[in-house]
């Protein structure tokens, strides 16, 4: 990755904040900032369920002036081999759109950067709206994104990808909480299933991706890491293709599958127990007599069906 470092590349500052983050020692913050992330259920998806719950929540509070809904999104598309990236934010209150922001991010960033930048811009916009508000201030601010990774990292500020967005987000949110102690933030990930605010934010992100970014040669850490991962994949595939293995075991039946730096669809969608059992059966590396015969001679190698060797 060091080969890709340039003067216009994203930099990480290990001393950007004090050794102890405020979110770790100021326990009052936990009463004002709530993170809601869909749970992982083996073999099932809860996206539709969370989208329906959010739609019901919006319908219940859309007429409440004390609740503000903020929808964020980032976009990455390809046009003739060129990255097109952008972000969009739309704010609703009293059932009406009151503000929106969009912007481009150039060619050399990844979709994760757009999601983080959208959350940063959302916090900046909220801060601006609250400071210019002359009527009743919102007591609850609900911020949404469709990226759980961004949602988990946006309030950390620790060294890592898109650190600048995380630090700026924290600064704006904490400043709001210092000025208005009754305000509460809720960060959630409802997805895009028939939610008008998400559709609008998505439209803004896509439309802004075609605009010219002021730093056209800027490269994010995620982008450099992605290039490095691509190079590793290409080198791995080249070695696998041109240096066939002479080894022979039950594990080598999978060596007919080209290598990949990404997990297979079967791995990501199949529940872990079924995947584990399938892998054990295919390789023979399981709690069966055939395995015990080679590796654990003290175990019983007979099958329950009275065959001499269990396979």
Protein backbone atom coordinates (compact mmCIF):
# COMPACT_ATOMS: atom_id res chain seq x y z
CA UNK A 1 0.00 0.00 0.00
CA UNK A 2 2.97 2.29 0.62
CA UNK A 3 3.56 2.37 -3.16
CA UNK A 4 0.25 4.17 -3.61
CA UNK A 5 0.93 6.96 -1.09
CA UNK A 6 0.89 10.42 -2.68
CA UNK A 7 0.68 14.01 -1.43
CA UNK A 8 -3.06 14.05 -2.10
CA UNK A 9 -3.87 10.82 -0.27
CA UNK A 10 -5.98 10.57 2.87
CA UNK A 11 -3.80 10.66 5.98
CA UNK A 12 -4.44 9.06 9.36
CA UNK A 13 -3.59 10.95 12.54
CA UNK A 14 -2.96 8.59 15.50
CA UNK A 15 -3.08 11.55 17.90
CA UNK A 16 -6.18 13.28 16.55
CA UNK A 17 -7.89 12.98 19.93
CA UNK A 18 -6.90 12.49 23.53
CA UNK A 19 -6.02 8.92 24.56
CA UNK A 20 -9.45 8.57 26.19
CA UNK A 21 -12.37 9.33 23.90
CA UNK A 22 -15.13 11.36 25.47
CA UNK A 23 -17.64 8.66 24.57
CA UNK A 24 -15.73 6.29 26.85
CA UNK A 25 -15.53 8.37 30.04
CA UNK A 26 -18.57 10.66 29.71
CA UNK A 27 -21.40 8.29 30.52
CA UNK A 28 -24.04 10.98 30.00
CA UNK A 29 -23.39 10.71 26.27
CA UNK A 30 -24.74 7.16 26.22
CA UNK A 31 -28.11 8.52 27.39
CA UNK A 32 -28.25 10.90 24.44
CA UNK A 33 -26.80 8.87 21.54
CA UNK A 34 -28.43 5.56 20.65
CA UNK A 35 -27.15 3.19 17.98
CA UNK A 36 -29.61 0.74 16.39
CA UNK A 37 -28.12 -1.93 14.12
CA UNK A 38 -30.04 -4.89 12.63
CA UNK A 39 -29.04 -8.19 14.20
CA UNK A 40 -27.53 -10.96 12.09
CA UNK A 41 -29.76 -13.99 11.76
CA UNK A 42 -28.34 -17.06 10.07
CA UNK A 43 -29.94 -17.63 6.67
CA UNK A 44 -32.46 -14.77 7.02
CA UNK A 45 -32.61 -11.06 6.25
CA UNK A 46 -34.18 -8.49 8.55
CA UNK A 47 -33.89 -5.56 6.11
CA UNK A 48 -37.56 -5.59 5.16
CA UNK A 49 -38.60 -5.86 8.79
CA UNK A 50 -36.42 -2.89 9.79
CA UNK A 51 -37.66 -0.84 6.85
CA UNK A 52 -41.27 -1.49 7.84
CA UNK A 53 -40.54 -0.57 11.46
CA UNK A 54 -38.91 2.68 10.36
CA UNK A 55 -41.81 3.50 8.04
CA UNK A 56 -44.21 3.02 10.96
CA UNK A 57 -42.01 5.19 13.16
CA UNK A 58 -41.97 7.96 10.57
CA UNK A 59 -45.74 7.82 10.11
CA UNK A 60 -46.19 8.04 13.87
CA UNK A 61 -43.92 11.05 14.43
CA UNK A 62 -43.89 12.89 11.10
CA UNK A 63 -46.28 15.49 12.47
CA UNK A 64 -44.31 15.95 15.69
CA UNK A 65 -42.23 19.15 15.59
CA UNK A 66 -39.91 17.76 18.27
CA UNK A 67 -38.68 14.95 15.99
CA UNK A 68 -36.32 15.46 13.03
CA UNK A 69 -35.62 12.74 10.45
CA UNK A 70 -32.32 12.88 8.57
CA UNK A 71 -31.68 10.52 5.64
CA UNK A 72 -28.20 10.02 4.22
CA UNK A 73 -26.80 8.04 1.32
CA UNK A 74 -23.66 7.65 -0.76
CA UNK A 75 -23.34 6.51 -4.36
CA UNK A 76 -20.64 4.84 -6.43
CA UNK A 77 -21.12 4.01 -10.09
CA UNK A 78 -18.92 3.30 -13.09
CA UNK A 79 -18.99 5.12 -16.41
CA UNK A 80 -16.54 3.87 -19.06
CA UNK A 81 -14.28 2.55 -16.32
CA UNK A 82 -14.38 5.79 -14.30
CA UNK A 83 -15.57 5.99 -10.68
CA UNK A 84 -18.47 8.35 -10.11
CA UNK A 85 -19.07 9.05 -6.42
CA UNK A 86 -21.31 11.38 -4.45
CA UNK A 87 -23.40 11.78 -1.31
CA UNK A 88 -26.80 13.18 -0.45
CA UNK A 89 -28.66 14.25 2.69
CA UNK A 90 -32.29 15.24 3.14
CA UNK A 91 -33.93 16.49 6.37
CA UNK A 92 -37.62 16.17 7.25
CA UNK A 93 -39.59 17.85 10.02
CA UNK A 94 -43.34 18.15 10.49
CA UNK A 95 -43.74 15.83 7.51
CA UNK A 96 -41.97 18.28 5.18
CA UNK A 97 -38.52 18.47 3.64
CA UNK A 98 -36.74 21.42 5.24
CA UNK A 99 -33.17 21.07 3.94
CA UNK A 100 -30.95 19.00 1.68
CA UNK A 101 -27.27 18.79 0.76
CA UNK A 102 -25.35 16.92 -1.91
CA UNK A 103 -21.78 16.76 -3.15
CA UNK A 104 -19.30 14.80 -5.26
CA UNK A 105 -16.18 13.05 -4.00
CA UNK A 106 -14.14 12.37 -7.12
CA UNK A 107 -12.90 9.18 -8.77
CA UNK A 108 -10.51 7.72 -6.20
CA UNK A 109 -12.79 6.88 -3.27
CA UNK A 110 -14.90 3.87 -2.30
CA UNK A 111 -18.56 3.59 -1.39
CA UNK A 112 -17.65 3.40 2.33
CA UNK A 113 -16.10 6.88 2.06
CA UNK A 114 -19.31 8.26 0.54
CA UNK A 115 -21.42 6.84 3.40
CA UNK A 116 -19.07 8.31 6.01
CA UNK A 117 -18.96 11.68 4.25
CA UNK A 118 -22.76 11.70 4.08
CA UNK A 119 -23.00 11.20 7.85
CA UNK A 120 -20.43 13.94 8.41
CA UNK A 121 -22.32 16.35 6.16
CA UNK A 122 -25.57 15.40 7.92
CA UNK A 123 -24.13 16.32 11.33
CA UNK A 124 -22.84 19.61 9.91
CA UNK A 125 -26.26 20.40 8.42
CA UNK A 126 -28.07 19.53 11.66
CA UNK A 127 -25.69 21.77 13.61
CA UNK A 128 -26.39 24.63 11.21
CA UNK A 129 -30.16 24.14 11.33
CA UNK A 130 -30.30 23.99 15.13
CA UNK A 131 -28.13 27.09 15.56
CA UNK A 132 -30.33 29.04 13.15
CA UNK A 133 -33.59 27.72 14.59
CA UNK A 134 -35.78 30.40 16.16
CA UNK A 135 -38.76 28.20 17.04
CA UNK A 136 -38.98 24.95 19.01
CA UNK A 137 -35.79 22.89 18.86
CA UNK A 138 -36.05 19.18 18.00
CA UNK A 139 -35.65 16.90 21.02
CA UNK A 140 -35.03 13.76 19.00
CA UNK A 141 -32.93 13.56 15.82
CA UNK A 142 -33.05 10.30 13.87
CA UNK A 143 -30.18 9.81 11.40
CA UNK A 144 -30.28 6.91 8.93
CA UNK A 145 -27.80 5.24 6.60
CA UNK A 146 -27.78 1.93 4.72
CA UNK A 147 -24.22 0.97 5.75
CA UNK A 148 -23.85 -0.72 9.14
CA UNK A 149 -20.05 -0.44 8.98
CA UNK A 150 -20.23 3.34 8.68
CA UNK A 151 -22.82 3.46 11.45
CA UNK A 152 -20.53 1.57 13.83
CA UNK A 153 -17.42 3.67 13.08
CA UNK A 154 -18.80 7.16 12.64
CA UNK A 155 -18.69 8.04 16.35
CA UNK A 156 -15.27 6.54 17.14
CA UNK A 157 -12.77 8.99 15.66
CA UNK A 158 -9.98 6.47 16.13
CA UNK A 159 -7.27 5.94 13.48
CA UNK A 160 -8.74 4.23 10.45
CA UNK A 161 -10.47 4.77 7.14
CA UNK A 162 -12.47 8.00 6.81
CA UNK A 163 -11.13 9.22 10.16
CA UNK A 164 -11.71 12.83 9.19
CA UNK A 165 -15.43 12.26 8.67
CA UNK A 166 -15.69 10.50 12.02
CA UNK A 167 -13.92 13.29 13.92
CA UNK A 168 -16.03 16.00 12.28
CA UNK A 169 -19.24 14.07 13.00
CA UNK A 170 -18.31 13.71 16.68
CA UNK A 171 -17.42 17.39 16.95
CA UNK A 172 -20.78 18.60 15.58
CA UNK A 173 -22.87 16.12 17.58
CA UNK A 174 -21.07 16.78 20.87
CA UNK A 175 -21.32 20.53 20.34
CA UNK A 176 -25.09 20.19 19.89
CA UNK A 177 -25.36 18.09 23.06
CA UNK A 178 -23.28 20.62 25.02
CA UNK A 179 -25.62 23.43 23.99
CA UNK A 180 -28.89 21.50 24.22
CA UNK A 181 -28.72 18.84 26.90
CA UNK A 182 -32.24 17.53 26.25
CA UNK A 183 -31.54 16.60 22.62
CA UNK A 184 -31.21 12.91 21.76
CA UNK A 185 -29.69 11.28 18.68
CA UNK A 186 -30.72 7.93 17.21
CA UNK A 187 -28.60 6.36 14.47
CA UNK A 188 -30.22 3.52 12.56
CA UNK A 189 -29.98 1.47 9.36
CA UNK A 190 -33.45 0.80 7.87
CA UNK A 191 -32.42 0.21 4.24
CA UNK A 192 -34.13 1.45 1.07
CA UNK A 193 -37.42 -0.46 1.04
CA UNK A 194 -40.08 2.09 0.04
CA UNK A 195 -38.81 4.84 2.35
CA UNK A 196 -39.29 8.20 0.69
CA UNK A 197 -36.46 9.93 2.55
CA UNK A 198 -33.96 7.26 1.53
CA UNK A 199 -35.10 7.45 -2.07
CA UNK A 200 -34.59 11.22 -2.09
CA UNK A 201 -31.14 10.95 -0.49
CA UNK A 202 -30.20 8.27 -3.02
CA UNK A 203 -31.34 10.51 -5.89
CA UNK A 204 -29.24 13.41 -4.56
CA UNK A 205 -26.18 11.17 -4.16
CA UNK A 206 -26.44 9.80 -7.70
CA UNK A 207 -27.05 13.19 -9.29
CA UNK A 208 -24.11 14.76 -7.46
CA UNK A 209 -21.73 11.97 -8.53
CA UNK A 210 -21.56 13.51 -12.01
CA UNK A 211 -20.31 16.86 -10.67
CA UNK A 212 -16.63 17.77 -10.78
CA UNK A 213 -14.84 17.39 -7.46
CA UNK A 214 -12.52 20.23 -6.44
CA UNK A 215 -9.74 17.75 -5.55
CA UNK A 216 -9.81 15.48 -8.57
CA UNK A 217 -6.57 13.70 -7.60
CA UNK A 218 -7.55 12.98 -3.98
CA UNK A 219 -7.24 9.30 -3.00
CA UNK A 220 -8.87 7.78 0.05
CA UNK A 221 -7.30 5.07 2.18
CA UNK A 222 -10.14 2.72 1.25
CA UNK A 223 -9.40 3.23 -2.44
CA UNK A 224 -5.67 2.52 -2.02
CA UNK A 225 -6.51 -0.55 0.03
CA UNK A 226 -8.90 -1.73 -2.68
CA UNK A 227 -6.19 -1.36 -5.34
CA UNK A 228 -3.76 -3.29 -3.16
CA UNK A 229 -6.33 -6.05 -2.63
CA UNK A 230 -6.87 -6.22 -6.40
CA UNK A 231 -3.13 -6.61 -6.98
CA UNK A 232 -2.96 -9.40 -4.40
CA UNK A 233 -5.87 -11.18 -6.10
CA UNK A 234 -4.26 -10.93 -9.52
CA UNK A 235 -0.91 -12.21 -8.21
CA UNK A 236 -2.62 -15.07 -6.37
CA UNK A 237 -4.58 -16.08 -9.48
CA UNK A 238 -1.41 -15.93 -11.60
CA UNK A 239 0.48 -18.23 -9.24
CA UNK A 240 -2.46 -20.62 -8.92
CA UNK A 241 -2.81 -20.84 -12.71
CA UNK A 242 0.88 -21.25 -13.54
CA UNK A 243 2.08 -23.33 -10.59
CA UNK A 244 -0.23 -26.34 -10.28
CA UNK A 245 0.05 -28.18 -6.98
CA UNK A 246 1.30 -31.78 -6.89
CA UNK A 247 -0.13 -32.39 -3.42
CA UNK A 248 -3.03 -34.79 -3.04
CA UNK A 249 -5.53 -34.93 -0.17
CA UNK A 250 -9.25 -34.56 0.43
CA UNK A 251 -8.74 -30.82 0.83
CA UNK A 252 -7.44 -30.46 -2.74
CA UNK A 253 -10.84 -31.15 -4.34
CA UNK A 254 -11.50 -27.44 -3.80
CA UNK A 255 -8.33 -26.48 -5.66
CA UNK A 256 -10.29 -26.53 -8.93
CA UNK A 257 -12.06 -23.34 -7.83
CA UNK A 258 -10.17 -20.16 -8.87
CA UNK A 259 -8.91 -18.14 -5.87
CA UNK A 260 -10.76 -15.04 -4.77
CA UNK A 261 -10.12 -12.30 -2.22
CA UNK A 262 -13.86 -12.15 -1.47
CA UNK A 263 -15.97 -14.78 0.33
CA UNK A 264 -18.22 -16.87 -1.90
CA UNK A 265 -21.95 -16.26 -2.09
CA UNK A 266 -22.48 -19.70 -0.57
CA UNK A 267 -20.40 -18.72 2.44
CA UNK A 268 -22.16 -15.40 3.05
CA UNK A 269 -25.73 -16.67 2.56
CA UNK A 270 -25.61 -20.16 4.07
CA UNK A 271 -25.94 -20.43 7.83
CA UNK A 272 -22.66 -21.27 9.54
CA UNK A 273 -23.68 -24.71 10.84
CA UNK A 274 -24.76 -25.99 7.42
CA UNK A 275 -21.67 -24.53 5.76
CA UNK A 276 -19.42 -26.15 8.37
CA UNK A 277 -21.08 -29.56 7.99
CA UNK A 278 -20.89 -29.35 4.18
CA UNK A 279 -17.20 -28.45 4.29
CA UNK A 280 -16.47 -31.30 6.71
CA UNK A 281 -18.27 -33.82 4.51
CA UNK A 282 -16.49 -32.67 1.35
CA UNK A 283 -13.03 -32.77 2.90
CA UNK A 284 -13.47 -35.74 5.22
CA UNK A 285 -12.15 -33.58 8.05
CA UNK A 286 -14.97 -34.44 10.46
CA UNK A 287 -15.82 -36.46 13.56
CA UNK A 288 -16.10 -39.75 11.65
CA UNK A 289 -14.21 -43.04 11.64
CA UNK A 290 -12.42 -42.29 8.36
CA UNK A 291 -10.83 -39.23 10.00
CA UNK A 292 -10.11 -41.04 13.29
CA UNK A 293 -8.38 -43.85 11.35
CA UNK A 294 -5.77 -41.37 10.11
CA UNK A 295 -5.41 -38.92 12.97
CA UNK A 296 -6.97 -40.16 16.23
CA UNK A 297 -6.47 -43.91 16.44
CA UNK A 298 -7.81 -44.11 19.99
CA UNK A 299 -11.33 -43.17 18.88
CA UNK A 300 -13.95 -45.66 17.71
CA UNK A 301 -13.78 -45.96 13.92
CA UNK A 302 -16.83 -48.14 13.36
CA UNK A 303 -20.07 -46.83 11.95
CA UNK A 304 -23.43 -47.01 13.70
CA UNK A 305 -24.70 -49.08 10.79
CA UNK A 306 -22.09 -51.75 11.73
CA UNK A 307 -19.76 -51.07 8.80
CA UNK A 308 -16.10 -51.60 9.69
CA UNK A 309 -15.17 -48.00 8.83
CA UNK A 310 -17.41 -44.99 9.16
CA UNK A 311 -17.18 -42.66 6.15
